[in-house]
PDB file of N, CA and C in Angstrom:
ATOM      1  N   UNK A   1    -125.692  55.310-197.694  1.00  0.00           N
ATOM      2  CA  UNK A   1    -124.543  54.992-196.641  1.00  0.00           C
ATOM      3  C   UNK A   1    -125.137  53.691-195.999  1.00  0.00           C
ATOM      4  N   UNK A   2    -123.188  53.478-196.024  1.00  0.00           N
ATOM      5  CA  UNK A   2    -123.344  51.707-195.156  1.00  0.00           C
ATOM      6  C   UNK A   2    -123.699  51.834-193.730  1.00  0.00           C
ATOM      7  N   UNK A   3    -123.591  51.120-193.238  1.00  0.00           N
ATOM      8  CA  UNK A   3    -123.909  51.071-191.524  1.00  0.00           C
ATOM      9  C   UNK A   3    -122.661  50.996-191.093  1.00  0.00           C
ATOM     10  N   UNK A   4    -122.765  51.722-189.745  1.00  0.00           N
ATOM     11  CA  UNK A   4    -121.631  51.869-188.799  1.00  0.00           C
ATOM     12  C   UNK A   4    -121.564  50.344-187.955  1.00  0.00           C
ATOM     13  N   UNK A   5    -120.166  49.578-188.343  1.00  0.00           N
ATOM     14  CA  UNK A   5    -120.429  48.284-187.319  1.00  0.00           C
ATOM     15  C   UNK A   5    -119.247  49.044-186.096  1.00  0.00           C
ATOM     16  N   UNK A   6    -119.938  48.676-184.808  1.00  0.00           N
ATOM     17  CA  UNK A   6    -119.413  49.001-183.486  1.00  0.00           C
ATOM     18  C   UNK A   6    -118.504  48.139-183.235  1.00  0.00           C
ATOM     19  N   UNK A   7    -117.436  48.220-183.215  1.00  0.00           N
ATOM     20  CA  UNK A   7    -116.472  46.950-182.681  1.00  0.00           C
ATOM     21  C   UNK A   7    -115.913  47.271-180.826  1.00  0.00           C
ATOM     22  N   UNK A   8    -115.933  46.548-180.186  1.00  0.00           N
ATOM     23  CA  UNK A   8    -115.389  46.505-179.104  1.00  0.00           C
ATOM     24  C   UNK A   8    -114.123  45.757-178.615  1.00  0.00           C
ATOM     25  N   UNK A   9    -112.893  46.564-178.076  1.00  0.00           N
ATOM     26  CA  UNK A   9    -111.967  46.297-177.551  1.00  0.00           C
ATOM     27  C   UNK A   9    -111.902  45.337-176.399  1.00  0.00           C
ATOM     28  N   UNK A  10    -111.388  44.280-176.064  1.00  0.00           N
ATOM     29  CA  UNK A  10    -111.242  43.194-175.085  1.00  0.00           C
ATOM     30  C   UNK A  10    -110.006  44.160-173.956  1.00  0.00           C
ATOM     31  N   UNK A  11    -110.496  43.681-172.739  1.00  0.00           N
ATOM     32  CA  UNK A  11    -109.566  45.012-171.639  1.00  0.00           C
ATOM     33  C   UNK A  11    -108.156  44.725-172.045  1.00  0.00           C
ATOM     34  N   UNK A  12    -107.367  43.475-172.544  1.00  0.00           N
ATOM     35  CA  UNK A  12    -105.766  43.874-172.776  1.00  0.00           C
ATOM     36  C   UNK A  12    -105.620  44.368-174.517  1.00  0.00           C
ATOM     37  N   UNK A  13    -106.180  44.328-175.269  1.00  0.00           N
ATOM     38  CA  UNK A  13    -106.663  45.473-176.422  1.00  0.00           C
ATOM     39  C   UNK A  13    -106.597  47.180-176.010  1.00  0.00           C
ATOM     40  N   UNK A  14    -107.357  46.727-175.135  1.00  0.00           N
ATOM     41  CA  UNK A  14    -107.472  48.606-174.402  1.00  0.00           C
ATOM     42  C   UNK A  14    -106.337  48.781-174.335  1.00  0.00           C
ATOM     43  N   UNK A  15    -105.611  48.534-173.099  1.00  0.00           N
ATOM     44  CA  UNK A  15    -104.745  48.190-172.282  1.00  0.00           C
ATOM     45  C   UNK A  15    -103.245  48.938-173.359  1.00  0.00           C
ATOM     46  N   UNK A  16    -103.400  47.814-174.725  1.00  0.00           N
ATOM     47  CA  UNK A  16    -102.369  47.996-175.034  1.00  0.00           C
ATOM     48  C   UNK A  16    -102.656  49.249-175.643  1.00  0.00           C
ATOM     49  N   UNK A  17    -103.358  49.804-176.113  1.00  0.00           N
ATOM     50  CA  UNK A  17    -103.700  51.378-177.249  1.00  0.00           C
ATOM     51  C   UNK A  17    -102.864  52.260-176.074  1.00  0.00           C
ATOM     52  N   UNK A  18    -103.514  52.121-174.898  1.00  0.00           N
ATOM     53  CA  UNK A  18    -103.476  53.373-173.693  1.00  0.00           C
ATOM     54  C   UNK A  18    -101.718  53.354-173.739  1.00  0.00           C
ATOM     55  N   UNK A  19    -101.213  51.977-173.295  1.00  0.00           N
ATOM     56  CA  UNK A  19     -99.517  52.181-173.122  1.00  0.00           C
ATOM     57  C   UNK A  19     -99.140  52.586-174.298  1.00  0.00           C
ATOM     58  N   UNK A  20     -99.316  52.181-175.594  1.00  0.00           N
ATOM     59  CA  UNK A  20     -99.159  52.768-176.984  1.00  0.00           C
ATOM     60  C   UNK A  20     -98.973  54.557-176.733  1.00  0.00           C
ATOM     61  N   UNK A  21    -100.242  54.821-176.494  1.00  0.00           N
ATOM     62  CA  UNK A  21    -100.100  56.011-176.333  1.00  0.00           C
ATOM     63  C   UNK A  21     -99.492  56.733-175.659  1.00  0.00           C
ATOM     64  N   UNK A  22     -99.178  56.425-174.240  1.00  0.00           N
ATOM     65  CA  UNK A  22     -98.569  56.965-173.501  1.00  0.00           C
ATOM     66  C   UNK A  22     -97.001  56.864-174.192  1.00  0.00           C
ATOM     67  N   UNK A  23     -96.364  55.979-174.710  1.00  0.00           N
ATOM     68  CA  UNK A  23     -95.113  55.602-175.038  1.00  0.00           C
ATOM     69  C   UNK A  23     -94.760  57.031-176.144  1.00  0.00           C
ATOM     70  N   UNK A  24     -95.905  56.854-176.904  1.00  0.00           N
ATOM     71  CA  UNK A  24     -95.874  57.471-178.475  1.00  0.00           C
ATOM     72  C   UNK A  24     -95.354  59.520-177.830  1.00  0.00           C
ATOM     73  N   UNK A  25     -96.663  59.463-176.982  1.00  0.00           N
ATOM     74  CA  UNK A  25     -96.967  61.003-176.511  1.00  0.00           C
ATOM     75  C   UNK A  25     -95.034  61.624-175.827  1.00  0.00           C
ATOM     76  N   UNK A  26     -94.587  60.676-175.132  1.00  0.00           N
ATOM     77  CA  UNK A  26     -93.059  61.175-174.805  1.00  0.00           C
ATOM     78  C   UNK A  26     -92.015  60.976-176.256  1.00  0.00           C
ATOM     79  N   UNK A  27     -92.892  60.684-177.354  1.00  0.00           N
ATOM     80  CA  UNK A  27     -91.552  61.261-178.376  1.00  0.00           C
ATOM     81  C   UNK A  27     -92.673  61.837-179.974  1.00  0.00           C
ATOM     82  N   UNK A  28     -93.453  62.792-179.277  1.00  0.00           N
ATOM     83  CA  UNK A  28     -94.518  63.296-180.254  1.00  0.00           C
ATOM     84  C   UNK A  28     -93.978  64.139-181.394  1.00  0.00           C
ATOM     85  N   UNK A  29     -92.660  64.637-180.743  1.00  0.00           N
ATOM     86  CA  UNK A  29     -91.892  65.467-181.384  1.00  0.00           C
ATOM     87  C   UNK A  29     -91.560  65.396-182.830  1.00  0.00           C
ATOM     88  N   UNK A  30     -90.837  63.935-182.569  1.00  0.00           N
ATOM     89  CA  UNK A  30     -90.096  63.047-183.719  1.00  0.00           C
ATOM     90  C   UNK A  30     -91.150  62.637-184.911  1.00  0.00           C
ATOM     91  N   UNK A  31     -92.484  62.233-183.493  1.00  0.00           N
ATOM     92  CA  UNK A  31     -93.442  61.118-184.568  1.00  0.00           C
ATOM     93  C   UNK A  31     -94.290  61.633-185.129  1.00  0.00           C
ATOM     94  N   UNK A  32     -94.652  63.168-184.882  1.00  0.00           N
ATOM     95  CA  UNK A  32     -95.388  64.472-185.275  1.00  0.00           C
ATOM     96  C   UNK A  32     -94.756  65.071-186.892  1.00  0.00           C
ATOM     97  N   UNK A  33     -93.569  64.902-186.370  1.00  0.00           N
ATOM     98  CA  UNK A  33     -92.625  65.704-187.709  1.00  0.00           C
ATOM     99  C   UNK A  33     -92.747  64.225-189.205  1.00  0.00           C
ATOM    100  N   UNK A  34     -92.979  62.809-188.355  1.00  0.00           N
ATOM    101  CA  UNK A  34     -92.999  61.873-189.648  1.00  0.00           C
ATOM    102  C   UNK A  34     -94.081  61.665-189.951  1.00  0.00           C
ATOM    103  N   UNK A  35     -95.233  62.642-189.593  1.00  0.00           N
ATOM    104  CA  UNK A  35     -96.454  62.179-189.538  1.00  0.00           C
ATOM    105  C   UNK A  35     -96.349  63.084-190.822  1.00  0.00           C
ATOM    106  N   UNK A  36     -96.277  64.034-190.745  1.00  0.00           N
ATOM    107  CA  UNK A  36     -96.249  65.078-191.846  1.00  0.00           C
ATOM    108  C   UNK A  36     -95.384  65.115-192.939  1.00  0.00           C
ATOM    109  N   UNK A  37     -94.357  64.638-192.846  1.00  0.00           N
ATOM    110  CA  UNK A  37     -93.357  64.189-193.881  1.00  0.00           C
ATOM    111  C   UNK A  37     -94.010  63.542-194.529  1.00  0.00           C
ATOM    112  N   UNK A  38     -95.175  62.194-194.087  1.00  0.00           N
ATOM    113  CA  UNK A  38     -95.283  61.199-194.904  1.00  0.00           C
ATOM    114  C   UNK A  38     -96.275  61.728-195.431  1.00  0.00           C
ATOM    115  N   UNK A  39     -97.102  62.669-194.687  1.00  0.00           N
ATOM    116  CA  UNK A  39     -98.256  63.477-195.457  1.00  0.00           C
ATOM    117  C   UNK A  39     -97.697  64.014-196.657  1.00  0.00           C
ATOM    118  N   UNK A  40     -96.899  64.767-196.665  1.00  0.00           N
ATOM    119  CA  UNK A  40     -96.217  65.335-198.005  1.00  0.00           C
ATOM    120  C   UNK A  40     -95.813  64.459-199.032  1.00  0.00           C
ATOM    121  N   UNK A  41     -94.917  63.371-198.545  1.00  0.00           N
ATOM    122  CA  UNK A  41     -94.168  62.579-199.488  1.00  0.00           C
ATOM    123  C   UNK A  41     -95.991  61.535-200.256  1.00  0.00           C
ATOM    124  N   UNK A  42     -96.989  61.798-199.678  1.00  0.00           N
ATOM    125  CA  UNK A  42     -98.394  61.242-200.293  1.00  0.00           C
ATOM    126  C   UNK A  42     -98.625  62.325-201.117  1.00  0.00           C
ATOM    127  N   UNK A  43     -98.551  63.539-200.487  1.00  0.00           N
ATOM    128  CA  UNK A  43     -99.314  64.502-201.293  1.00  0.00           C
ATOM    129  C   UNK A  43     -98.580  65.693-201.491  1.00  0.00           C
ATOM    130  N   UNK A  44     -97.405  65.936-202.157  1.00  0.00           N
ATOM    131  CA  UNK A  44     -96.414  66.971-202.576  1.00  0.00           C
ATOM    132  C   UNK A  44     -97.177  68.248-202.168  1.00  0.00           C
ATOM    133  N   UNK A  45     -98.293  68.356-202.732  1.00  0.00           N
ATOM    134  CA  UNK A  45     -99.163  69.963-203.108  1.00  0.00           C
ATOM    135  C   UNK A  45     -99.749  70.587-201.773  1.00  0.00           C
ATOM    136  N   UNK A  46     -99.845  69.464-200.338  1.00  0.00           N
ATOM    137  CA  UNK A  46     -99.978  69.521-199.142  1.00  0.00           C
ATOM    138  C   UNK A  46     -99.556  70.409-198.645  1.00  0.00           C
ATOM    139  N   UNK A  47     -97.758  70.676-199.307  1.00  0.00           N
ATOM    140  CA  UNK A  47     -97.168  71.776-198.275  1.00  0.00           C
ATOM    141  C   UNK A  47     -97.909  73.396-198.676  1.00  0.00           C
ATOM    142  N   UNK A  48     -97.956  73.041-200.237  1.00  0.00           N
ATOM    143  CA  UNK A  48     -99.284  74.735-200.536  1.00  0.00           C
ATOM    144  C   UNK A  48     -99.884  75.471-199.092  1.00  0.00           C
ATOM    145  N   UNK A  49    -100.685  74.676-198.624  1.00  0.00           N
ATOM    146  CA  UNK A  49    -101.825  74.377-197.148  1.00  0.00           C
ATOM    147  C   UNK A  49    -101.092  74.807-196.302  1.00  0.00           C
ATOM    148  N   UNK A  50    -100.008  75.538-195.963  1.00  0.00           N
ATOM    149  CA  UNK A  50     -99.147  75.349-194.734  1.00  0.00           C
ATOM    150  C   UNK A  50     -98.057  76.692-194.951  1.00  0.00           C
ATOM    151  N   UNK A  51     -98.544  78.407-194.501  1.00  0.00           N
ATOM    152  CA  UNK A  51     -98.016  79.132-195.106  1.00  0.00           C
ATOM    153  C   UNK A  51     -97.142  79.464-194.429  1.00  0.00           C
ATOM    154  N   UNK A  52     -96.113  78.841-193.919  1.00  0.00           N
ATOM    155  CA  UNK A  52     -94.703  78.878-193.349  1.00  0.00           C
ATOM    156  C   UNK A  52     -93.870  78.104-193.970  1.00  0.00           C
ATOM    157  N   UNK A  53     -94.648  77.350-194.735  1.00  0.00           N
ATOM    158  CA  UNK A  53     -93.906  76.259-195.841  1.00  0.00           C
ATOM    159  C   UNK A  53     -92.937  77.214-197.200  1.00  0.00           C
ATOM    160  N   UNK A  54     -94.498  77.690-197.656  1.00  0.00           N
ATOM    161  CA  UNK A  54     -94.365  78.352-198.705  1.00  0.00           C
ATOM    162  C   UNK A  54     -93.093  78.536-199.196  1.00  0.00           C
ATOM    163  N   UNK A  55     -92.270  79.901-198.754  1.00  0.00           N
ATOM    164  CA  UNK A  55     -91.522  80.248-199.073  1.00  0.00           C
ATOM    165  C   UNK A  55     -90.176  79.983-198.608  1.00  0.00           C
ATOM    166  N   UNK A  56     -90.101  78.840-197.828  1.00  0.00           N
ATOM    167  CA  UNK A  56     -88.830  78.369-196.750  1.00  0.00           C
ATOM    168  C   UNK A  56     -87.894  77.508-197.470  1.00  0.00           C
ATOM    169  N   UNK A  57     -86.630  78.164-197.666  1.00  0.00           N
ATOM    170  CA  UNK A  57     -85.922  77.207-198.153  1.00  0.00           C
ATOM    171  C   UNK A  57     -84.868  75.889-197.180  1.00  0.00           C
ATOM    172  N   UNK A  58     -85.828  76.213-196.059  1.00  0.00           N
ATOM    173  CA  UNK A  58     -85.187  75.362-194.897  1.00  0.00           C
ATOM    174  C   UNK A  58     -85.743  73.927-195.139  1.00  0.00           C
ATOM    175  N   UNK A  59     -84.912  72.819-195.151  1.00  0.00           N
ATOM    176  CA  UNK A  59     -85.853  71.666-195.550  1.00  0.00           C
ATOM    177  C   UNK A  59     -86.656  71.615-194.523  1.00  0.00           C
ATOM    178  N   UNK A  60     -87.335  70.535-195.063  1.00  0.00           N
ATOM    179  CA  UNK A  60     -88.880  70.213-194.272  1.00  0.00           C
ATOM    180  C   UNK A  60     -88.329  69.841-192.874  1.00  0.00           C
ATOM    181  N   UNK A  61     -87.401  68.505-192.595  1.00  0.00           N
ATOM    182  CA  UNK A  61     -87.104  67.807-191.297  1.00  0.00           C
ATOM    183  C   UNK A  61     -86.225  68.489-190.330  1.00  0.00           C
ATOM    184  N   UNK A  62     -85.577  69.833-191.054  1.00  0.00           N
ATOM    185  CA  UNK A  62     -85.452  71.324-189.966  1.00  0.00           C
ATOM    186  C   UNK A  62     -86.135  72.350-189.535  1.00  0.00           C
ATOM    187  N   UNK A  63     -87.295  72.391-190.602  1.00  0.00           N
ATOM    188  CA  UNK A  63     -87.948  73.664-190.498  1.00  0.00           C
ATOM    189  C   UNK A  63     -88.711  73.513-188.915  1.00  0.00           C
ATOM    190  N   UNK A  64     -88.335  74.363-188.032  1.00  0.00           N
ATOM    191  CA  UNK A  64     -88.700  74.711-186.789  1.00  0.00           C
ATOM    192  C   UNK A  64     -90.119  74.730-186.091  1.00  0.00           C
ATOM    193  N   UNK A  65     -90.828  75.847-187.479  1.00  0.00           N
ATOM    194  CA  UNK A  65     -92.171  76.104-187.743  1.00  0.00           C
ATOM    195  C   UNK A  65     -93.255  74.965-187.636  1.00  0.00           C
ATOM    196  N   UNK A  66     -92.490  73.977-188.641  1.00  0.00           N
ATOM    197  CA  UNK A  66     -93.136  72.673-189.192  1.00  0.00           C
ATOM    198  C   UNK A  66     -93.218  71.963-187.909  1.00  0.00           C
ATOM    199  N   UNK A  67     -91.721  71.542-187.290  1.00  0.00           N
ATOM    200  CA  UNK A  67     -91.711  70.901-186.678  1.00  0.00           C
ATOM    201  C   UNK A  67     -93.035  71.213-185.205  1.00  0.00           C
ATOM    202  N   UNK A  68     -93.181  72.608-184.305  1.00  0.00           N
ATOM    203  CA  UNK A  68     -93.451  72.970-183.749  1.00  0.00           C
ATOM    204  C   UNK A  68     -95.285  72.203-184.072  1.00  0.00           C
ATOM    205  N   UNK A  69     -95.706  72.411-185.073  1.00  0.00           N
ATOM    206  CA  UNK A  69     -96.856  72.483-185.601  1.00  0.00           C
ATOM    207  C   UNK A  69     -97.538  70.888-185.491  1.00  0.00           C
ATOM    208  N   UNK A  70     -96.346  70.402-186.184  1.00  0.00           N
ATOM    209  CA  UNK A  70     -96.607  68.474-186.031  1.00  0.00           C
ATOM    210  C   UNK A  70     -96.686  68.372-184.754  1.00  0.00           C
ATOM    211  N   UNK A  71     -95.693  68.680-183.883  1.00  0.00           N
ATOM    212  CA  UNK A  71     -96.006  68.165-182.330  1.00  0.00           C
ATOM    213  C   UNK A  71     -97.517  68.442-181.943  1.00  0.00           C
ATOM    214  N   UNK A  72     -97.912  69.803-181.935  1.00  0.00           N
ATOM    215  CA  UNK A  72     -98.606  70.227-181.776  1.00  0.00           C
ATOM    216  C   UNK A  72    -100.023  69.227-181.884  1.00  0.00           C
ATOM    217  N   UNK A  73    -100.185  68.898-183.456  1.00  0.00           N
ATOM    218  CA  UNK A  73    -101.433  68.024-183.685  1.00  0.00           C
ATOM    219  C   UNK A  73    -101.102  66.659-183.012  1.00  0.00           C
ATOM    220  N   UNK A  74    -100.046  66.213-182.971  1.00  0.00           N
ATOM    221  CA  UNK A  74     -99.837  64.918-182.244  1.00  0.00           C
ATOM    222  C   UNK A  74    -100.391  64.797-181.263  1.00  0.00           C
ATOM    223  N   UNK A  75     -99.914  65.838-180.407  1.00  0.00           N
ATOM    224  CA  UNK A  75    -100.479  65.766-179.237  1.00  0.00           C
ATOM    225  C   UNK A  75    -101.934  65.890-178.822  1.00  0.00           C
ATOM    226  N   UNK A  76    -102.527  66.596-179.360  1.00  0.00           N
ATOM    227  CA  UNK A  76    -103.332  67.150-179.974  1.00  0.00           C
ATOM    228  C   UNK A  76    -104.791  65.988-180.338  1.00  0.00           C
ATOM    229  N   UNK A  77    -104.232  65.236-180.848  1.00  0.00           N
ATOM    230  CA  UNK A  77    -104.372  63.355-181.050  1.00  0.00           C
ATOM    231  C   UNK A  77    -104.682  62.773-180.437  1.00  0.00           C
ATOM    232  N   UNK A  78    -103.322  62.716-179.674  1.00  0.00           N
ATOM    233  CA  UNK A  78    -103.332  62.183-178.572  1.00  0.00           C
ATOM    234  C   UNK A  78    -104.469  61.895-177.361  1.00  0.00           C
ATOM    235  N   UNK A  79    -104.486  63.417-177.205  1.00  0.00           N
ATOM    236  CA  UNK A  79    -105.429  63.992-176.261  1.00  0.00           C
ATOM    237  C   UNK A  79    -107.121  63.880-176.336  1.00  0.00           C
ATOM    238  N   UNK A  80    -107.683  63.761-177.911  1.00  0.00           N
ATOM    239  CA  UNK A  80    -108.253  63.358-178.419  1.00  0.00           C
ATOM    240  C   UNK A  80    -109.143  62.117-178.424  1.00  0.00           C
ATOM    241  N   UNK A  81    -108.445  61.457-178.416  1.00  0.00           N
ATOM    242  CA  UNK A  81    -108.145  59.825-178.537  1.00  0.00           C
ATOM    243  C   UNK A  81    -108.286  59.817-177.129  1.00  0.00           C
ATOM    244  N   UNK A  82    -107.686  59.763-176.356  1.00  0.00           N
ATOM    245  CA  UNK A  82    -107.663  59.258-174.563  1.00  0.00           C
ATOM    246  C   UNK A  82    -108.939  59.935-174.335  1.00  0.00           C
ATOM    247  N   UNK A  83    -109.710  61.605-174.582  1.00  0.00           N
ATOM    248  CA  UNK A  83    -110.885  61.603-174.005  1.00  0.00           C
ATOM    249  C   UNK A  83    -111.964  60.943-174.829  1.00  0.00           C
ATOM    250  N   UNK A  84    -111.965  60.676-175.856  1.00  0.00           N
ATOM    251  CA  UNK A  84    -112.783  59.981-176.930  1.00  0.00           C
ATOM    252  C   UNK A  84    -113.188  58.554-175.769  1.00  0.00           C
ATOM    253  N   UNK A  85    -112.115  57.886-175.773  1.00  0.00           N
ATOM    254  CA  UNK A  85    -112.151  56.840-175.042  1.00  0.00           C
ATOM    255  C   UNK A  85    -112.075  56.524-173.325  1.00  0.00           C
ATOM    256  N   UNK A  86    -112.330  57.520-172.793  1.00  0.00           N
ATOM    257  CA  UNK A  86    -113.043  58.056-171.361  1.00  0.00           C
ATOM    258  C   UNK A  86    -113.922  58.587-171.527  1.00  0.00           C
ATOM    259  N   UNK A  87    -114.107  59.507-171.848  1.00  0.00           N
ATOM    260  CA  UNK A  87    -115.328  59.507-171.724  1.00  0.00           C
ATOM    261  C   UNK A  87    -116.211  59.999-172.792  1.00  0.00           C
ATOM    262  N   UNK A  88    -115.973  58.990-174.055  1.00  0.00           N
ATOM    263  CA  UNK A  88    -117.413  58.930-175.172  1.00  0.00           C
ATOM    264  C   UNK A  88    -117.814  59.972-175.848  1.00  0.00           C
ATOM    265  N   UNK A  89    -116.445  61.061-176.368  1.00  0.00           N
ATOM    266  CA  UNK A  89    -116.523  62.514-176.616  1.00  0.00           C
ATOM    267  C   UNK A  89    -115.489  63.307-176.358  1.00  0.00           C
ATOM    268  N   UNK A  90    -114.968  64.441-177.531  1.00  0.00           N
ATOM    269  CA  UNK A  90    -113.987  64.801-177.055  1.00  0.00           C
ATOM    270  C   UNK A  90    -114.437  66.338-176.639  1.00  0.00           C
ATOM    271  N   UNK A  91    -113.756  66.302-176.038  1.00  0.00           N
ATOM    272  CA  UNK A  91    -113.988  68.118-175.223  1.00  0.00           C
ATOM    273  C   UNK A  91    -113.170  69.220-175.439  1.00  0.00           C
ATOM    274  N   UNK A  92    -113.404  70.084-176.622  1.00  0.00           N
ATOM    275  CA  UNK A  92    -112.481  70.998-176.766  1.00  0.00           C
ATOM    276  C   UNK A  92    -113.510  72.202-176.583  1.00  0.00           C
ATOM    277  N   UNK A  93    -112.467  73.462-176.060  1.00  0.00           N
ATOM    278  CA  UNK A  93    -113.495  74.471-175.964  1.00  0.00           C
ATOM    279  C   UNK A  93    -113.621  75.150-177.222  1.00  0.00           C
ATOM    280  N   UNK A  94    -114.849  75.784-177.592  1.00  0.00           N
ATOM    281  CA  UNK A  94    -115.698  76.285-178.531  1.00  0.00           C
ATOM    282  C   UNK A  94    -114.364  77.146-179.248  1.00  0.00           C
ATOM    283  N   UNK A  95    -113.977  77.798-178.180  1.00  0.00           N
ATOM    284  CA  UNK A  95    -113.014  79.371-179.088  1.00  0.00           C
ATOM    285  C   UNK A  95    -112.166  78.703-179.803  1.00  0.00           C
ATOM    286  N   UNK A  96    -111.376  77.053-179.163  1.00  0.00           N
ATOM    287  CA  UNK A  96    -110.504  76.626-179.955  1.00  0.00           C
ATOM    288  C   UNK A  96    -110.850  76.028-181.131  1.00  0.00           C
ATOM    289  N   UNK A  97    -111.885  75.241-181.635  1.00  0.00           N
ATOM    290  CA  UNK A  97    -112.027  74.447-182.279  1.00  0.00           C
ATOM    291  C   UNK A  97    -113.017  75.935-183.409  1.00  0.00           C
ATOM    292  N   UNK A  98    -113.626  76.681-182.476  1.00  0.00           N
ATOM    293  CA  UNK A  98    -113.551  77.812-183.863  1.00  0.00           C
ATOM    294  C   UNK A  98    -112.238  78.702-184.310  1.00  0.00           C
ATOM    295  N   UNK A  99    -111.461  78.766-183.594  1.00  0.00           N
ATOM    296  CA  UNK A  99    -110.259  79.283-184.537  1.00  0.00           C
ATOM    297  C   UNK A  99    -109.284  78.460-185.319  1.00  0.00           C
ATOM    298  N   UNK A 100    -109.384  77.085-185.576  1.00  0.00           N
ATOM    299  CA  UNK A 100    -108.572  76.104-185.660  1.00  0.00           C
ATOM    300  C   UNK A 100    -109.240  76.155-186.630  1.00  0.00           C
ATOM    301  N   UNK A 101    -110.653  75.938-186.698  1.00  0.00           N
ATOM    302  CA  UNK A 101    -111.646  75.742-188.043  1.00  0.00           C
ATOM    303  C   UNK A 101    -111.353  77.225-189.119  1.00  0.00           C
ATOM    304  N   UNK A 102    -110.620  77.939-188.465  1.00  0.00           N
ATOM    305  CA  UNK A 102    -110.910  78.990-189.264  1.00  0.00           C
ATOM    306  C   UNK A 102    -109.938  79.529-189.869  1.00  0.00           C
ATOM    307  N   UNK A 103    -108.249  79.069-189.429  1.00  0.00           N
ATOM    308  CA  UNK A 103    -107.362  78.879-189.759  1.00  0.00           C
ATOM    309  C   UNK A 103    -107.156  78.210-190.697  1.00  0.00           C
ATOM    310  N   UNK A 104    -107.853  76.698-190.702  1.00  0.00           N
ATOM    311  CA  UNK A 104    -107.875  75.732-191.931  1.00  0.00           C
ATOM    312  C   UNK A 104    -108.555  76.676-192.983  1.00  0.00           C
ATOM    313  N   UNK A 105    -109.842  76.838-192.817  1.00  0.00           N
ATOM    314  CA  UNK A 105    -110.500  77.421-194.196  1.00  0.00           C
ATOM    315  C   UNK A 105    -109.978  79.040-194.133  1.00  0.00           C
ATOM    316  N   UNK A 106    -108.961  79.741-193.728  1.00  0.00           N
ATOM    317  CA  UNK A 106    -108.538  80.788-194.545  1.00  0.00           C
ATOM    318  C   UNK A 106    -106.826  80.171-195.315  1.00  0.00           C
ATOM    319  N   UNK A 107    -106.876  78.964-195.040  1.00  0.00           N
ATOM    320  CA  UNK A 107    -105.315  78.350-195.559  1.00  0.00           C
ATOM    321  C   UNK A 107    -105.840  77.517-196.777  1.00  0.00           C
ATOM    322  N   UNK A 108    -107.054  77.025-197.061  1.00  0.00           N
ATOM    323  CA  UNK A 108    -107.606  76.711-197.909  1.00  0.00           C
ATOM    324  C   UNK A 108    -108.007  75.107-197.909  1.00  0.00           C
ATOM    325  N   UNK A 109    -108.101  74.912-196.901  1.00  0.00           N
ATOM    326  CA  UNK A 109    -108.335  73.253-196.678  1.00  0.00           C
ATOM    327  C   UNK A 109    -109.302  72.947-196.734  1.00  0.00           C
ATOM    328  N   UNK A 110    -110.345  71.963-197.567  1.00  0.00           N
ATOM    329  CA  UNK A 110    -111.164  71.695-197.843  1.00  0.00           C
ATOM    330  C   UNK A 110    -111.633  69.945-196.995  1.00  0.00           C
ATOM    331  N   UNK A 111    -112.300  69.207-196.873  1.00  0.00           N
ATOM    332  CA  UNK A 111    -112.974  67.963-196.598  1.00  0.00           C
ATOM    333  C   UNK A 111    -111.548  66.898-197.529  1.00  0.00           C
ATOM    334  N   UNK A 112    -111.657  67.194-198.669  1.00  0.00           N
ATOM    335  CA  UNK A 112    -110.554  66.594-199.070  1.00  0.00           C
ATOM    336  C   UNK A 112    -109.377  66.178-198.974  1.00  0.00           C
ATOM    337  N   UNK A 113    -108.969  66.985-198.311  1.00  0.00           N
ATOM    338  CA  UNK A 113    -107.275  67.135-197.962  1.00  0.00           C
ATOM    339  C   UNK A 113    -107.378  66.508-196.796  1.00  0.00           C
ATOM    340  N   UNK A 114    -108.348  65.930-195.829  1.00  0.00           N
ATOM    341  CA  UNK A 114    -108.185  64.928-195.003  1.00  0.00           C
ATOM    342  C   UNK A 114    -107.975  63.400-195.353  1.00  0.00           C
ATOM    343  N   UNK A 115    -108.591  63.043-196.280  1.00  0.00           N
ATOM    344  CA  UNK A 115    -108.766  61.872-196.901  1.00  0.00           C
ATOM    345  C   UNK A 115    -107.327  61.491-197.121  1.00  0.00           C
TER     346      UNK A 115
END
């Protein structure tokens, strides 16, 4: 395994990242959906991992369940990034993390899917 290289942001870079996250959070529904649409463009088979998409005849861009899921994932990512920067770790309630892991496992998600 290679060694991890630590990179330190300048104060200006950190301020830009914080400002960017704040702007993106305001538009989390649209950006979250764009993220998932890009994932499905790159890996169309990923749609099979989402039970609410399997038999849906609704176009992805209009699927309310996908929109809700995408916004939730995007906001969780924003919050996790903010926590990581502020506290050096991400604090997730153990019950939430177990529920999230169990749901992903049940739906057939494996480590390679996150690549």
